[in-house]
C-alpha atoms as a PDB file:
ATOM      1  CA  MET A   1     -20.041   3.248  -6.807  1.00  0.00           C
ATOM      2  CA  SER A   2     -16.728   1.660  -5.684  1.00  0.00           C
ATOM      3  CA  THR A   3     -16.839   0.399  -1.812  1.00  0.00           C
ATOM      4  CA  ALA A   4     -13.168   0.628   0.253  1.00  0.00           C
ATOM      5  CA  PRO A   5     -10.473  -2.636   0.177  1.00  0.00           C
ATOM      6  CA  SER A   6     -11.977  -4.147   3.467  1.00  0.00           C
ATOM      7  CA  TYR A   7      -8.720  -3.662   5.103  1.00  0.00           C
ATOM      8  CA  VAL A   8      -9.465   0.226   5.619  1.00  0.00           C
ATOM      9  CA  GLN A   9     -12.096   1.584   7.047  1.00  0.00           C
ATOM     10  CA  ALA A  10     -13.602   4.741   8.466  1.00  0.00           C
ATOM     11  CA  SER A  11     -12.843   5.268  12.024  1.00  0.00           C
ATOM     12  CA  GLY A  12     -13.843   7.665  14.247  1.00  0.00           C
ATOM     13  CA  ASN A  13     -12.449  11.268  12.546  1.00  0.00           C
ATOM     14  CA  GLY A  14      -9.316   8.672  10.832  1.00  0.00           C
ATOM     15  CA  ILE A  15      -9.118   5.937   9.388  1.00  0.00           C
ATOM     16  CA  ARG A  16      -8.225   2.155  10.090  1.00  0.00           C
ATOM     17  CA  LEU A  17      -5.668  -0.133   8.668  1.00  0.00           C
ATOM     18  CA  ALA A  18      -5.275  -3.549   8.849  1.00  0.00           C
ATOM     19  CA  LEU A  19      -1.913  -4.625   8.169  1.00  0.00           C
ATOM     20  CA  ALA A  20       1.142  -7.543   7.896  1.00  0.00           C
ATOM     21  CA  VAL A  21       4.008  -6.386   8.582  1.00  0.00           C
ATOM     22  CA  GLN A  22       7.123  -7.651   6.968  1.00  0.00           C
ATOM     23  CA  PRO A  23       9.568  -6.572   9.497  1.00  0.00           C
ATOM     24  CA  ARG A  24      13.333  -6.268   8.515  1.00  0.00           C
ATOM     25  CA  ALA A  25      12.694  -6.299   4.488  1.00  0.00           C
ATOM     26  CA  SER A  26      15.399  -3.685   2.146  1.00  0.00           C
ATOM     27  CA  ARG A  27      12.679  -0.681   2.067  1.00  0.00           C
ATOM     28  CA  ASN A  28       9.837   0.980   4.239  1.00  0.00           C
ATOM     29  CA  SER A  29       7.152   0.110   0.796  1.00  0.00           C
ATOM     30  CA  PHE A  30       3.291  -1.151   0.578  1.00  0.00           C
ATOM     31  CA  GLY A  31       2.961  -4.286  -1.208  1.00  0.00           C
ATOM     32  CA  ASP A  32      -0.124  -6.817  -2.068  1.00  0.00           C
ATOM     33  CA  ARG A  33      -3.175  -7.030  -0.236  1.00  0.00           C
ATOM     34  CA  LEU A  34      -3.337 -10.390   1.419  1.00  0.00           C
ATOM     35  CA  GLY A  35      -7.116 -11.825   2.443  1.00  0.00           C
ATOM     36  CA  ASP A  36      -7.780  -8.861   4.534  1.00  0.00           C
ATOM     37  CA  ARG A  37      -4.870  -7.506   5.355  1.00  0.00           C
ATOM     38  CA  ARG A  38      -2.450  -4.532   3.016  1.00  0.00           C
ATOM     39  CA  LYS A  39       1.381  -5.968   3.631  1.00  0.00           C
ATOM     40  CA  LEU A  40       3.812  -2.934   4.564  1.00  0.00           C
ATOM     41  CA  ALA A  41       7.279  -3.756   4.638  1.00  0.00           C
ATOM     42  CA  ILE A  42       9.334  -2.206   7.837  1.00  0.00           C
ATOM     43  CA  THR A  43      13.441  -1.604   7.501  1.00  0.00           C
ATOM     44  CA  ALA A  44      13.521  -1.770  11.204  1.00  0.00           C
ATOM     45  CA  PRO A  45      14.123  -4.861  12.920  1.00  0.00           C
ATOM     46  CA  PRO A  46      11.259  -6.687  15.190  1.00  0.00           C
ATOM     47  CA  VAL A  47      13.441  -6.037  18.836  1.00  0.00           C
ATOM     48  CA  ASP A  48      12.388  -3.294  21.694  1.00  0.00           C
ATOM     49  CA  GLY A  49      10.038  -1.419  19.800  1.00  0.00           C
ATOM     50  CA  GLU A  50      12.045  -0.348  16.477  1.00  0.00           C
ATOM     51  CA  ALA A  51       9.664  -2.436  14.029  1.00  0.00           C
ATOM     52  CA  ASN A  52       7.030  -0.718  15.944  1.00  0.00           C
ATOM     53  CA  ALA A  53       8.425   2.821  15.524  1.00  0.00           C
ATOM     54  CA  ALA A  54       9.199   2.784  12.052  1.00  0.00           C
ATOM     55  CA  ILE A  55       5.668   1.680  10.812  1.00  0.00           C
ATOM     56  CA  VAL A  56       4.777   5.539  12.509  1.00  0.00           C
ATOM     57  CA  LYS A  57       6.783   7.197  11.578  1.00  0.00           C
ATOM     58  CA  PHE A  58       6.513   5.951   8.053  1.00  0.00           C
ATOM     59  CA  LEU A  59       2.560   5.996   8.157  1.00  0.00           C
ATOM     60  CA  ALA A  60       2.873   9.350   9.605  1.00  0.00           C
ATOM     61  CA  LYS A  61       4.732  10.866   6.139  1.00  0.00           C
ATOM     62  CA  PHE A  62       2.778   8.847   4.167  1.00  0.00           C
ATOM     63  CA  PHE A  63      -0.262   9.751   4.937  1.00  0.00           C
ATOM     64  CA  GLY A  64       0.798  13.545   5.761  1.00  0.00           C
ATOM     65  CA  VAL A  65      -0.065  13.603   9.127  1.00  0.00           C
ATOM     66  CA  ALA A  66       2.656  14.058  12.593  1.00  0.00           C
ATOM     67  CA  LYS A  67       3.521  11.060  14.065  1.00  0.00           C
ATOM     68  CA  SER A  68       1.123  11.981  17.643  1.00  0.00           C
ATOM     69  CA  ALA A  69      -2.584  10.773  15.274  1.00  0.00           C
ATOM     70  CA  VAL A  70      -0.091   7.203  14.486  1.00  0.00           C
ATOM     71  CA  HIS A  71      -1.491   4.394  17.094  1.00  0.00           C
ATOM     72  CA  ILE A  72      -1.279   1.182  17.130  1.00  0.00           C
ATOM     73  CA  VAL A  73      -3.975  -0.167  18.767  1.00  0.00           C
ATOM     74  CA  LEU A  74      -3.909  -4.014  17.400  1.00  0.00           C
ATOM     75  CA  GLY A  75      -0.939  -6.575  16.695  1.00  0.00           C
ATOM     76  CA  GLU A  76       1.778  -4.544  19.339  1.00  0.00           C
ATOM     77  CA  THR A  77       3.912  -7.718  19.361  1.00  0.00           C
ATOM     78  CA  GLY A  78       2.537  -9.452  16.033  1.00  0.00           C
ATOM     79  CA  LYS A  79       2.977  -9.341  12.190  1.00  0.00           C
ATOM     80  CA  LEU A  80      -0.778  -8.907  11.687  1.00  0.00           C
ATOM     81  CA  LYS A  81      -1.765  -5.307  13.331  1.00  0.00           C
ATOM     82  CA  THR A  82      -4.256  -2.543  13.120  1.00  0.00           C
ATOM     83  CA  VAL A  83      -3.473   0.995  13.360  1.00  0.00           C
ATOM     84  CA  ALA A  84      -5.650   3.815  12.945  1.00  0.00           C
ATOM     85  CA  ILE A  85      -4.315   6.985  11.656  1.00  0.00           C
ATOM     86  CA  ASP A  86      -6.535  10.573  13.037  1.00  0.00           C
ATOM     87  CA  GLY A  87      -7.088  13.316  10.067  1.00  0.00           C
ATOM     88  CA  VAL A  88      -7.655  11.621   6.813  1.00  0.00           C
ATOM     89  CA  SER A  89     -10.308  10.283   5.633  1.00  0.00           C
ATOM     90  CA  LEU A  90     -11.588   7.752   3.562  1.00  0.00           C
ATOM     91  CA  ALA A  91     -11.418   9.163   0.396  1.00  0.00           C
ATOM     92  CA  GLU A  92      -7.586  10.517   1.077  1.00  0.00           C
ATOM     93  CA  ALA A  93      -7.291   7.326   2.386  1.00  0.00           C
ATOM     94  CA  GLN A  94      -8.299   4.905  -1.078  1.00  0.00           C
ATOM     95  CA  GLN A  95      -5.793   8.087  -3.129  1.00  0.00           C
ATOM     96  CA  ARG A  96      -3.081   7.579  -1.598  1.00  0.00           C
ATOM     97  CA  LEU A  97      -2.921   3.495  -1.756  1.00  0.00           C
ATOM     98  CA  GLY A  98      -4.102   4.122  -4.810  1.00  0.00           C
ATOM     99  CA  GLU A  99      -6.942   2.290  -4.535  1.00  0.00           C
ATOM    100  CA  PRO A 100     -10.255   3.074  -6.960  1.00  0.00           C
END
């Protein structure tokens, strides 16, 4: 039986992701694991909430949920963030993230 990677966990009616965000990247994409977090590259700069808005938009599209289902719960002003995503099961998240 496989266990979920430490950066993604079931929470309420969805999941929580622990992310290390890299703003001003060349493209929006998930990167490698960084300890207990997963790298997320975002093209938007970390100015006036642009990066946070880009994170919400990217994760909503990636997981196939509405933007209103994605919430930054910790780290709104830093690079280390915890994001809650409603309506996504742990198994579905693992599959989409390419985890065993």
